[in-house]
Amino acid sequence: MKARVAEYWKERQAKNLSGMYDFYSAGYRAAHPRTEFLAMTRLVRYPILEFHVVRVAIDAGGKHAKATVGYRSSAPQVPELFDSEVTDNWVLDPDGRWCKEQDELILPFPKEGRDARTRRDPTDRRRGLE
C-alpha cells in the first residue's frame, strides 16, 4: 500500500490532476466523472519539493486505511522551506487496489447564518446547544 500512496503523491507533486483521478475509488469516480474532477479540483499552488510516506494504518477489517505523508514545500510569504504532514483516507476497491477516498471538503468560512467561532447555527437547539 505504501507504494500506491507514493505513486499518488508523485502525480500530486507533478500537479497531474488526470493522473491523480485514477487513484480515487470506484465509488468516487462513478459519482464524479473525470471532466468534473478536472474542472473542480484545485491544488495548492506551492510546490511539493519532496515527500515520504510516514505511516500506513489499515483497519482491522482490512478494507480501510489511513496514510500519512510528510512533505517539504515553499511559499512566497514564508522565508524558509517548511515541512508538513497530511493524512488521507484510502479504501480497498473491489478490484483489489488501494484507492484514495474523497477528500473531506472543509470550507474556510462558515455558511451564512452560522456562528463563525463555532461554525454552528446559533438557533440550533438540538444536542444541548442552547
N, C-alpha and C. Protein backbone atom coordinates (compact mmCIF):
# COMPACT_ATOMS: atom_id res chain seq x y z
N MET A 1 0.82 -1.20 0.00
CA MET A 1 0.00 0.00 0.00
C MET A 1 0.87 1.26 0.00
N LYS A 2 2.00 1.22 0.70
CA LYS A 2 2.87 2.40 0.73
C LYS A 2 3.28 2.81 -0.68
N ALA A 3 3.56 1.83 -1.53
CA ALA A 3 3.96 2.14 -2.90
C ALA A 3 2.82 2.83 -3.65
N ARG A 4 1.60 2.40 -3.43
CA ARG A 4 0.44 3.01 -4.10
C ARG A 4 0.26 4.46 -3.63
N VAL A 5 0.41 4.70 -2.35
CA VAL A 5 0.31 6.06 -1.81
C VAL A 5 1.40 6.94 -2.43
N ALA A 6 2.62 6.41 -2.51
CA ALA A 6 3.72 7.17 -3.09
C ALA A 6 3.46 7.47 -4.57
N GLU A 7 2.86 6.53 -5.29
CA GLU A 7 2.53 6.77 -6.70
C GLU A 7 1.54 7.93 -6.83
N TYR A 8 0.53 7.94 -5.96
CA TYR A 8 -0.44 9.03 -5.97
C TYR A 8 0.27 10.37 -5.72
N TRP A 9 1.16 10.38 -4.73
CA TRP A 9 1.84 11.63 -4.39
C TRP A 9 2.81 12.08 -5.48
N LYS A 10 3.34 11.17 -6.25
CA LYS A 10 4.15 11.57 -7.41
C LYS A 10 3.29 12.35 -8.41
N GLU A 11 2.06 11.87 -8.62
CA GLU A 11 1.14 12.58 -9.52
C GLU A 11 0.77 13.94 -8.92
N ARG A 12 0.56 13.96 -7.63
CA ARG A 12 0.22 15.22 -6.97
C ARG A 12 1.39 16.20 -7.03
N GLN A 13 2.58 15.70 -6.80
CA GLN A 13 3.76 16.54 -6.88
C GLN A 13 3.91 17.14 -8.28
N ALA A 14 3.59 16.37 -9.31
CA ALA A 14 3.66 16.83 -10.69
C ALA A 14 2.45 17.68 -11.07
N LYS A 15 1.49 17.81 -10.14
CA LYS A 15 0.23 18.54 -10.37
C LYS A 15 -0.53 17.98 -11.57
N ASN A 16 -0.48 16.65 -11.69
CA ASN A 16 -1.15 15.93 -12.77
C ASN A 16 -2.53 15.48 -12.29
N LEU A 17 -3.51 16.34 -12.45
CA LEU A 17 -4.86 16.03 -11.98
C LEU A 17 -5.43 14.78 -12.64
N SER A 18 -5.20 14.62 -13.91
CA SER A 18 -5.73 13.45 -14.61
C SER A 18 -5.13 12.17 -14.05
N GLY A 19 -3.83 12.20 -13.76
CA GLY A 19 -3.18 11.04 -13.16
C GLY A 19 -3.67 10.78 -11.75
N MET A 20 -3.92 11.84 -11.00
CA MET A 20 -4.44 11.69 -9.63
C MET A 20 -5.81 11.05 -9.64
N TYR A 21 -6.64 11.42 -10.59
CA TYR A 21 -8.02 10.93 -10.67
C TYR A 21 -8.05 9.40 -10.68
N ASP A 22 -7.10 8.79 -11.37
CA ASP A 22 -7.07 7.34 -11.48
C ASP A 22 -6.84 6.64 -10.15
N PHE A 23 -6.40 7.35 -9.14
CA PHE A 23 -6.15 6.76 -7.83
C PHE A 23 -7.38 6.82 -6.91
N TYR A 24 -8.43 7.52 -7.33
CA TYR A 24 -9.62 7.63 -6.50
C TYR A 24 -10.47 6.37 -6.62
N SER A 25 -11.27 6.11 -5.60
CA SER A 25 -12.07 4.89 -5.53
C SER A 25 -13.10 4.83 -6.65
N ALA A 26 -13.54 3.62 -6.96
CA ALA A 26 -14.56 3.41 -7.99
C ALA A 26 -15.83 4.17 -7.64
N GLY A 27 -16.19 4.21 -6.36
CA GLY A 27 -17.38 4.94 -5.93
C GLY A 27 -17.26 6.43 -6.22
N TYR A 28 -16.10 6.97 -5.94
CA TYR A 28 -15.88 8.39 -6.21
C TYR A 28 -15.93 8.66 -7.71
N ARG A 29 -15.24 7.82 -8.49
CA ARG A 29 -15.19 8.02 -9.94
C ARG A 29 -16.57 7.85 -10.58
N ALA A 30 -17.41 6.99 -10.01
CA ALA A 30 -18.76 6.82 -10.54
C ALA A 30 -19.61 8.07 -10.29
N ALA A 31 -19.38 8.72 -9.17
CA ALA A 31 -20.16 9.91 -8.81
C ALA A 31 -19.60 11.19 -9.43
N HIS A 32 -18.31 11.17 -9.76
CA HIS A 32 -17.63 12.37 -10.27
C HIS A 32 -16.83 12.02 -11.52
N PRO A 33 -17.38 12.29 -12.70
CA PRO A 33 -16.63 11.99 -13.93
C PRO A 33 -15.32 12.77 -13.98
N ARG A 34 -14.38 12.25 -14.75
CA ARG A 34 -13.07 12.88 -14.87
C ARG A 34 -13.17 14.35 -15.25
N THR A 35 -14.07 14.69 -16.18
CA THR A 35 -14.19 16.09 -16.61
C THR A 35 -14.60 16.99 -15.45
N GLU A 36 -15.48 16.51 -14.59
CA GLU A 36 -15.89 17.28 -13.40
C GLU A 36 -14.71 17.43 -12.45
N PHE A 37 -14.00 16.34 -12.20
CA PHE A 37 -12.84 16.36 -11.31
C PHE A 37 -11.81 17.38 -11.80
N LEU A 38 -11.51 17.34 -13.09
CA LEU A 38 -10.51 18.25 -13.64
C LEU A 38 -10.96 19.70 -13.55
N ALA A 39 -12.26 19.94 -13.71
CA ALA A 39 -12.77 21.30 -13.65
C ALA A 39 -12.86 21.83 -12.22
N MET A 40 -13.13 20.96 -11.25
CA MET A 40 -13.41 21.41 -9.89
C MET A 40 -12.23 21.31 -8.94
N THR A 41 -11.23 20.51 -9.26
CA THR A 41 -10.13 20.29 -8.32
C THR A 41 -9.09 21.40 -8.45
N ARG A 42 -8.71 21.91 -7.33
CA ARG A 42 -7.66 22.92 -7.27
C ARG A 42 -6.57 22.41 -6.33
N LEU A 43 -5.37 22.42 -6.82
CA LEU A 43 -4.25 22.01 -5.98
C LEU A 43 -3.63 23.24 -5.34
N VAL A 44 -3.01 23.03 -4.20
CA VAL A 44 -2.25 24.10 -3.59
C VAL A 44 -1.18 24.50 -4.58
N ARG A 45 -1.00 25.76 -4.77
CA ARG A 45 -0.08 26.23 -5.80
C ARG A 45 1.39 26.13 -5.39
N TYR A 46 1.64 25.81 -4.15
CA TYR A 46 3.02 25.72 -3.68
C TYR A 46 3.60 24.37 -4.10
N PRO A 47 4.86 24.36 -4.46
CA PRO A 47 5.46 23.11 -4.93
C PRO A 47 5.69 22.12 -3.79
N ILE A 48 5.49 20.85 -4.09
CA ILE A 48 5.88 19.79 -3.17
C ILE A 48 7.29 19.42 -3.59
N LEU A 49 8.26 19.83 -2.81
CA LEU A 49 9.65 19.63 -3.17
C LEU A 49 10.10 18.19 -2.96
N GLU A 50 9.60 17.59 -1.89
CA GLU A 50 9.87 16.19 -1.60
C GLU A 50 8.78 15.67 -0.67
N PHE A 51 8.61 14.37 -0.66
CA PHE A 51 7.60 13.76 0.22
C PHE A 51 8.06 12.36 0.59
N HIS A 52 7.47 11.83 1.63
CA HIS A 52 7.70 10.44 2.03
C HIS A 52 6.47 9.94 2.78
N VAL A 53 6.19 8.66 2.63
CA VAL A 53 5.08 8.05 3.36
C VAL A 53 5.56 7.79 4.78
N VAL A 54 4.91 8.45 5.73
CA VAL A 54 5.30 8.34 7.14
C VAL A 54 4.78 7.03 7.73
N ARG A 55 3.50 6.77 7.50
CA ARG A 55 2.90 5.54 8.04
C ARG A 55 1.61 5.23 7.30
N VAL A 56 1.27 3.96 7.33
CA VAL A 56 0.01 3.47 6.79
C VAL A 56 -0.62 2.62 7.88
N ALA A 57 -1.87 2.89 8.20
CA ALA A 57 -2.58 2.11 9.21
C ALA A 57 -3.83 1.53 8.58
N ILE A 58 -3.86 0.22 8.43
CA ILE A 58 -5.01 -0.48 7.84
C ILE A 58 -5.91 -0.93 8.97
N ASP A 59 -7.21 -0.70 8.83
CA ASP A 59 -8.14 -1.06 9.90
C ASP A 59 -8.25 -2.58 10.03
N ALA A 60 -8.86 -3.01 11.12
CA ALA A 60 -8.95 -4.44 11.44
C ALA A 60 -9.68 -5.22 10.35
N GLY A 61 -10.62 -4.60 9.66
CA GLY A 61 -11.35 -5.28 8.61
C GLY A 61 -10.57 -5.41 7.31
N GLY A 62 -9.47 -4.67 7.21
CA GLY A 62 -8.61 -4.76 6.04
C GLY A 62 -9.12 -4.05 4.80
N LYS A 63 -10.15 -3.21 4.95
CA LYS A 63 -10.72 -2.54 3.77
C LYS A 63 -10.57 -1.03 3.78
N HIS A 64 -10.16 -0.48 4.90
CA HIS A 64 -9.98 0.97 5.01
C HIS A 64 -8.62 1.23 5.65
N ALA A 65 -8.02 2.35 5.26
CA ALA A 65 -6.70 2.68 5.79
C ALA A 65 -6.53 4.19 5.86
N LYS A 66 -5.59 4.60 6.68
CA LYS A 66 -5.17 5.99 6.75
C LYS A 66 -3.69 6.02 6.40
N ALA A 67 -3.35 6.90 5.48
CA ALA A 67 -1.96 7.04 5.06
C ALA A 67 -1.50 8.45 5.40
N THR A 68 -0.42 8.55 6.14
CA THR A 68 0.16 9.85 6.50
C THR A 68 1.40 10.08 5.66
N VAL A 69 1.43 11.25 5.03
CA VAL A 69 2.54 11.62 4.17
C VAL A 69 3.15 12.91 4.69
N GLY A 70 4.46 12.92 4.80
CA GLY A 70 5.18 14.13 5.15
C GLY A 70 5.74 14.75 3.89
N TYR A 71 5.73 16.07 3.84
CA TYR A 71 6.25 16.72 2.64
C TYR A 71 6.94 18.03 2.99
N ARG A 72 7.81 18.46 2.09
CA ARG A 72 8.51 19.73 2.22
C ARG A 72 8.03 20.62 1.09
N SER A 73 7.78 21.87 1.43
CA SER A 73 7.26 22.81 0.45
C SER A 73 7.85 24.19 0.70
N SER A 74 7.48 25.11 -0.17
CA SER A 74 7.87 26.50 -0.01
C SER A 74 6.68 27.36 -0.39
N ALA A 75 6.67 28.56 0.13
CA ALA A 75 5.61 29.52 -0.18
C ALA A 75 6.23 30.91 -0.22
N PRO A 76 5.73 31.77 -1.10
CA PRO A 76 6.31 33.11 -1.22
C PRO A 76 6.32 33.89 0.09
N GLN A 77 5.31 33.73 0.92
CA GLN A 77 5.21 34.51 2.15
C GLN A 77 5.97 33.89 3.32
N VAL A 78 6.60 32.73 3.10
CA VAL A 78 7.37 32.07 4.15
C VAL A 78 8.83 32.07 3.71
N PRO A 79 9.72 32.68 4.50
CA PRO A 79 11.11 32.83 4.05
C PRO A 79 11.91 31.53 3.96
N GLU A 80 11.46 30.49 4.66
CA GLU A 80 12.20 29.23 4.67
C GLU A 80 11.32 28.11 4.17
N LEU A 81 11.93 27.02 3.75
CA LEU A 81 11.18 25.82 3.40
C LEU A 81 10.46 25.33 4.65
N PHE A 82 9.31 24.71 4.47
CA PHE A 82 8.60 24.19 5.63
C PHE A 82 8.18 22.75 5.39
N ASP A 83 8.07 22.02 6.49
CA ASP A 83 7.64 20.63 6.47
C ASP A 83 6.23 20.53 7.03
N SER A 84 5.45 19.62 6.47
CA SER A 84 4.09 19.41 6.96
C SER A 84 3.72 17.95 6.75
N GLU A 85 2.60 17.56 7.32
CA GLU A 85 2.06 16.20 7.16
C GLU A 85 0.59 16.29 6.85
N VAL A 86 0.10 15.30 6.11
CA VAL A 86 -1.32 15.19 5.83
C VAL A 86 -1.69 13.71 5.91
N THR A 87 -2.89 13.44 6.41
CA THR A 87 -3.38 12.06 6.50
C THR A 87 -4.60 11.94 5.61
N ASP A 88 -4.54 10.98 4.69
CA ASP A 88 -5.63 10.73 3.75
C ASP A 88 -6.28 9.39 4.05
N ASN A 89 -7.55 9.28 3.70
CA ASN A 89 -8.29 8.03 3.84
C ASN A 89 -8.21 7.26 2.52
N TRP A 90 -7.97 5.95 2.63
CA TRP A 90 -7.89 5.07 1.48
C TRP A 90 -8.84 3.89 1.70
N VAL A 91 -9.27 3.28 0.61
CA VAL A 91 -10.21 2.17 0.67
C VAL A 91 -9.74 1.09 -0.30
N LEU A 92 -9.96 -0.16 0.05
CA LEU A 92 -9.64 -1.27 -0.83
C LEU A 92 -10.81 -1.44 -1.80
N ASP A 93 -10.58 -1.14 -3.07
CA ASP A 93 -11.63 -1.24 -4.08
C ASP A 93 -11.93 -2.70 -4.42
N PRO A 94 -13.09 -2.97 -5.01
CA PRO A 94 -13.44 -4.35 -5.37
C PRO A 94 -12.40 -5.03 -6.27
N ASP A 95 -11.65 -4.25 -7.05
CA ASP A 95 -10.64 -4.85 -7.93
C ASP A 95 -9.35 -5.19 -7.19
N GLY A 96 -9.31 -4.93 -5.88
CA GLY A 96 -8.15 -5.28 -5.07
C GLY A 96 -7.10 -4.19 -4.97
N ARG A 97 -7.33 -3.03 -5.58
CA ARG A 97 -6.37 -1.93 -5.50
C ARG A 97 -6.75 -0.98 -4.38
N TRP A 98 -5.75 -0.44 -3.70
CA TRP A 98 -6.00 0.60 -2.72
C TRP A 98 -6.25 1.91 -3.46
N CYS A 99 -7.33 2.59 -3.08
CA CYS A 99 -7.72 3.83 -3.75
C CYS A 99 -7.99 4.91 -2.72
N LYS A 100 -7.72 6.11 -3.13
CA LYS A 100 -7.95 7.27 -2.27
C LYS A 100 -9.44 7.53 -2.18
N GLU A 101 -9.91 7.81 -0.98
CA GLU A 101 -11.31 8.19 -0.82
C GLU A 101 -11.43 9.69 -1.03
N GLN A 102 -12.65 10.13 -1.21
CA GLN A 102 -12.92 11.54 -1.44
C GLN A 102 -12.39 12.37 -0.28
N ASP A 103 -11.75 13.49 -0.63
CA ASP A 103 -11.28 14.40 0.41
C ASP A 103 -12.47 15.08 1.05
N GLU A 104 -12.39 15.26 2.36
CA GLU A 104 -13.44 15.99 3.07
C GLU A 104 -13.32 17.46 2.70
N LEU A 105 -14.44 18.04 2.32
CA LEU A 105 -14.45 19.45 1.96
C LEU A 105 -14.57 20.27 3.23
N ILE A 106 -13.57 21.08 3.49
CA ILE A 106 -13.58 21.97 4.65
C ILE A 106 -13.58 23.39 4.11
N LEU A 107 -14.69 24.06 4.29
CA LEU A 107 -14.80 25.42 3.79
C LEU A 107 -14.09 26.38 4.74
N PRO A 108 -13.42 27.39 4.20
CA PRO A 108 -12.66 28.30 5.06
C PRO A 108 -13.54 29.26 5.85
N PHE A 109 -14.77 29.46 5.41
CA PHE A 109 -15.65 30.40 6.09
C PHE A 109 -16.98 29.72 6.36
N PRO A 110 -17.60 30.02 7.49
CA PRO A 110 -18.89 29.40 7.78
C PRO A 110 -19.96 29.90 6.82
N LYS A 111 -20.97 29.06 6.64
CA LYS A 111 -22.09 29.46 5.79
C LYS A 111 -22.83 30.61 6.45
N GLU A 112 -23.56 31.35 5.65
CA GLU A 112 -24.35 32.48 6.14
C GLU A 112 -25.28 32.01 7.25
N GLY A 113 -25.37 32.80 8.31
CA GLY A 113 -26.27 32.46 9.41
C GLY A 113 -25.65 31.55 10.46
N ARG A 114 -24.39 31.24 10.30
CA ARG A 114 -23.73 30.38 11.28
C ARG A 114 -22.75 31.20 12.11
N ASP A 115 -22.54 30.77 13.32
CA ASP A 115 -21.60 31.43 14.22
C ASP A 115 -20.18 31.12 13.75
N ALA A 116 -19.42 32.14 13.40
CA ALA A 116 -18.08 31.95 12.83
C ALA A 116 -17.13 31.27 13.82
N ARG A 117 -17.35 31.45 15.09
CA ARG A 117 -16.44 30.89 16.08
C ARG A 117 -16.63 29.38 16.21
N THR A 118 -17.87 28.92 16.23
CA THR A 118 -18.13 27.50 16.45
C THR A 118 -18.61 26.80 15.19
N ARG A 119 -18.93 27.57 14.15
CA ARG A 119 -19.48 27.03 12.92
C ARG A 119 -20.79 26.29 13.15
N ARG A 120 -21.47 26.64 14.21
CA ARG A 120 -22.78 26.05 14.48
C ARG A 120 -23.83 27.12 14.31
N ASP A 121 -24.98 26.69 13.90
CA ASP A 121 -26.10 27.61 13.75
C ASP A 121 -26.55 28.01 15.15
N PRO A 122 -26.48 29.31 15.50
CA PRO A 122 -26.82 29.72 16.86
C PRO A 122 -28.28 29.46 17.21
N THR A 123 -29.13 29.23 16.24
CA THR A 123 -30.54 28.96 16.52
C THR A 123 -30.80 27.47 16.69
N ASP A 124 -29.79 26.63 16.51
CA ASP A 124 -29.96 25.18 16.62
C ASP A 124 -30.04 24.80 18.09
N ARG A 125 -31.17 24.28 18.51
CA ARG A 125 -31.39 23.92 19.92
C ARG A 125 -31.21 22.43 20.17
N ARG A 126 -30.82 21.70 19.15
CA ARG A 126 -30.62 20.25 19.34
C ARG A 126 -29.31 19.98 20.07
N ARG A 127 -29.19 18.85 20.70
CA ARG A 127 -27.98 18.36 21.36
C ARG A 127 -27.41 19.33 22.37
N GLY A 128 -28.24 20.04 23.08
CA GLY A 128 -27.79 20.89 24.17
C GLY A 128 -27.01 22.10 23.72
N LEU A 129 -27.34 22.65 22.57
CA LEU A 129 -26.63 23.82 22.09
C LEU A 129 -27.30 25.12 22.49
N GLU A 130 -28.30 25.05 23.40
CA GLU A 130 -28.98 26.28 23.77
C GLU A 130 -28.12 27.19 24.60
